[in-house]
């Protein structure tokens, strides 16, 4: 993610969907931030919706993501709406 930020790629997004982080074990020397906190630090300056813990990836409740489809993404404090256009 930091490399994407340095290369200016994060500034070009219209939204960001982050899946679940599972099977992450604690390290012997604590890093001090969760993966979500690290990502938020890198994208909080941008004016696009960011969704964390979206049910996609290597989890039991895996929702299909269609790569290359146009979508609308709305994120607020209590819910997320992802609609395929």
C-alpha atoms as a PDB file:
ATOM      1  CA  UNK A   1       0.000   0.000   0.000  1.00  0.00           C
ATOM      2  CA  UNK A   2       2.786   2.417   0.786  1.00  0.00           C
ATOM      3  CA  UNK A   3       4.293   1.848  -2.647  1.00  0.00           C
ATOM      4  CA  UNK A   4       0.896   2.517  -4.259  1.00  0.00           C
ATOM      5  CA  UNK A   5       0.709   5.781  -2.318  1.00  0.00           C
ATOM      6  CA  UNK A   6       4.247   6.826  -3.347  1.00  0.00           C
ATOM      7  CA  UNK A   7       3.450   6.082  -6.989  1.00  0.00           C
ATOM      8  CA  UNK A   8       0.282   8.229  -6.817  1.00  0.00           C
ATOM      9  CA  UNK A   9      -2.024   5.290  -7.479  1.00  0.00           C
ATOM     10  CA  UNK A  10      -4.173   5.773  -4.359  1.00  0.00           C
ATOM     11  CA  UNK A  11      -4.981   9.347  -5.391  1.00  0.00           C
ATOM     12  CA  UNK A  12      -6.535   8.094  -8.629  1.00  0.00           C
ATOM     13  CA  UNK A  13      -9.092   5.791  -6.988  1.00  0.00           C
ATOM     14  CA  UNK A  14     -12.808   6.517  -6.909  1.00  0.00           C
ATOM     15  CA  UNK A  15     -13.328   4.186  -3.946  1.00  0.00           C
ATOM     16  CA  UNK A  16     -11.578   1.450  -2.005  1.00  0.00           C
ATOM     17  CA  UNK A  17     -12.951  -1.888  -0.817  1.00  0.00           C
ATOM     18  CA  UNK A  18     -10.818  -3.782   1.682  1.00  0.00           C
ATOM     19  CA  UNK A  19     -11.659  -7.407   2.436  1.00  0.00           C
ATOM     20  CA  UNK A  20     -11.307  -9.235   5.707  1.00  0.00           C
ATOM     21  CA  UNK A  21      -7.920  -9.794   7.305  1.00  0.00           C
ATOM     22  CA  UNK A  22      -8.033 -13.266   8.770  1.00  0.00           C
ATOM     23  CA  UNK A  23      -5.438 -15.614  10.182  1.00  0.00           C
ATOM     24  CA  UNK A  24      -3.152 -12.759  11.185  1.00  0.00           C
ATOM     25  CA  UNK A  25      -1.228 -13.713  14.290  1.00  0.00           C
ATOM     26  CA  UNK A  26       0.421 -11.320  16.696  1.00  0.00           C
ATOM     27  CA  UNK A  27       4.102 -10.708  16.131  1.00  0.00           C
ATOM     28  CA  UNK A  28       6.700 -10.989  18.864  1.00  0.00           C
ATOM     29  CA  UNK A  29       7.440  -7.269  18.517  1.00  0.00           C
ATOM     30  CA  UNK A  30       4.100  -5.396  18.256  1.00  0.00           C
ATOM     31  CA  UNK A  31       3.738  -3.219  15.165  1.00  0.00           C
ATOM     32  CA  UNK A  32       1.385  -0.800  16.903  1.00  0.00           C
ATOM     33  CA  UNK A  33      -1.314  -0.599  14.229  1.00  0.00           C
ATOM     34  CA  UNK A  34      -3.885  -2.942  12.779  1.00  0.00           C
ATOM     35  CA  UNK A  35      -3.918  -3.491   8.998  1.00  0.00           C
ATOM     36  CA  UNK A  36      -7.041  -1.298   8.824  1.00  0.00           C
ATOM     37  CA  UNK A  37      -5.291   1.512  10.711  1.00  0.00           C
ATOM     38  CA  UNK A  38      -2.305   1.364   8.349  1.00  0.00           C
ATOM     39  CA  UNK A  39      -4.553   1.542   5.279  1.00  0.00           C
ATOM     40  CA  UNK A  40      -6.662   4.358   6.757  1.00  0.00           C
ATOM     41  CA  UNK A  41      -3.519   6.417   7.455  1.00  0.00           C
ATOM     42  CA  UNK A  42      -2.614   6.115   3.764  1.00  0.00           C
ATOM     43  CA  UNK A  43      -6.028   7.009   2.302  1.00  0.00           C
ATOM     44  CA  UNK A  44      -7.755   9.308   4.804  1.00  0.00           C
ATOM     45  CA  UNK A  45      -6.726  12.448   2.903  1.00  0.00           C
ATOM     46  CA  UNK A  46      -8.656  11.400  -0.195  1.00  0.00           C
ATOM     47  CA  UNK A  47     -12.297  12.172  -0.818  1.00  0.00           C
ATOM     48  CA  UNK A  48     -13.571   8.737  -1.820  1.00  0.00           C
ATOM     49  CA  UNK A  49     -15.486   6.036   0.032  1.00  0.00           C
ATOM     50  CA  UNK A  50     -13.451   3.424   1.901  1.00  0.00           C
ATOM     51  CA  UNK A  51     -14.998   0.171   3.098  1.00  0.00           C
ATOM     52  CA  UNK A  52     -13.233  -2.170   5.523  1.00  0.00           C
ATOM     53  CA  UNK A  53     -14.059  -5.811   6.312  1.00  0.00           C
ATOM     54  CA  UNK A  54     -16.067  -6.312   3.144  1.00  0.00           C
ATOM     55  CA  UNK A  55     -17.088  -9.982   2.909  1.00  0.00           C
ATOM     56  CA  UNK A  56     -14.751 -10.992   0.123  1.00  0.00           C
ATOM     57  CA  UNK A  57     -11.588 -13.043   0.011  1.00  0.00           C
ATOM     58  CA  UNK A  58     -10.591 -16.244   1.766  1.00  0.00           C
ATOM     59  CA  UNK A  59     -13.502 -16.354   4.212  1.00  0.00           C
ATOM     60  CA  UNK A  60     -16.598 -18.543   4.599  1.00  0.00           C
ATOM     61  CA  UNK A  61     -19.049 -15.758   3.639  1.00  0.00           C
ATOM     62  CA  UNK A  62     -17.215 -14.808   0.431  1.00  0.00           C
ATOM     63  CA  UNK A  63     -19.145 -12.418  -1.841  1.00  0.00           C
ATOM     64  CA  UNK A  64     -18.218 -12.336  -5.498  1.00  0.00           C
ATOM     65  CA  UNK A  65     -16.458  -9.256  -6.812  1.00  0.00           C
ATOM     66  CA  UNK A  66     -16.649  -8.711 -10.552  1.00  0.00           C
ATOM     67  CA  UNK A  67     -13.411  -7.166 -11.766  1.00  0.00           C
ATOM     68  CA  UNK A  68     -13.855  -4.485 -14.411  1.00  0.00           C
ATOM     69  CA  UNK A  69     -17.554  -3.804 -13.724  1.00  0.00           C
ATOM     70  CA  UNK A  70     -18.835  -0.316 -12.996  1.00  0.00           C
ATOM     71  CA  UNK A  71     -20.234   0.015  -9.483  1.00  0.00           C
ATOM     72  CA  UNK A  72     -21.513   2.614  -7.099  1.00  0.00           C
ATOM     73  CA  UNK A  73     -20.138   2.514  -3.566  1.00  0.00           C
ATOM     74  CA  UNK A  74     -21.696   4.390  -0.657  1.00  0.00           C
ATOM     75  CA  UNK A  75     -20.190   4.109   2.819  1.00  0.00           C
ATOM     76  CA  UNK A  76     -21.490   5.665   6.001  1.00  0.00           C
ATOM     77  CA  UNK A  77     -21.083   4.976   9.695  1.00  0.00           C
ATOM     78  CA  UNK A  78     -23.725   2.237   9.763  1.00  0.00           C
ATOM     79  CA  UNK A  79     -23.788   0.567   6.357  1.00  0.00           C
ATOM     80  CA  UNK A  80     -22.179  -0.005   2.984  1.00  0.00           C
ATOM     81  CA  UNK A  81     -23.958  -0.188  -0.343  1.00  0.00           C
ATOM     82  CA  UNK A  82     -22.221  -1.698  -3.341  1.00  0.00           C
ATOM     83  CA  UNK A  83     -24.339  -1.765  -6.470  1.00  0.00           C
ATOM     84  CA  UNK A  84     -23.266  -3.174  -9.799  1.00  0.00           C
ATOM     85  CA  UNK A  85     -24.324  -0.817 -12.599  1.00  0.00           C
END
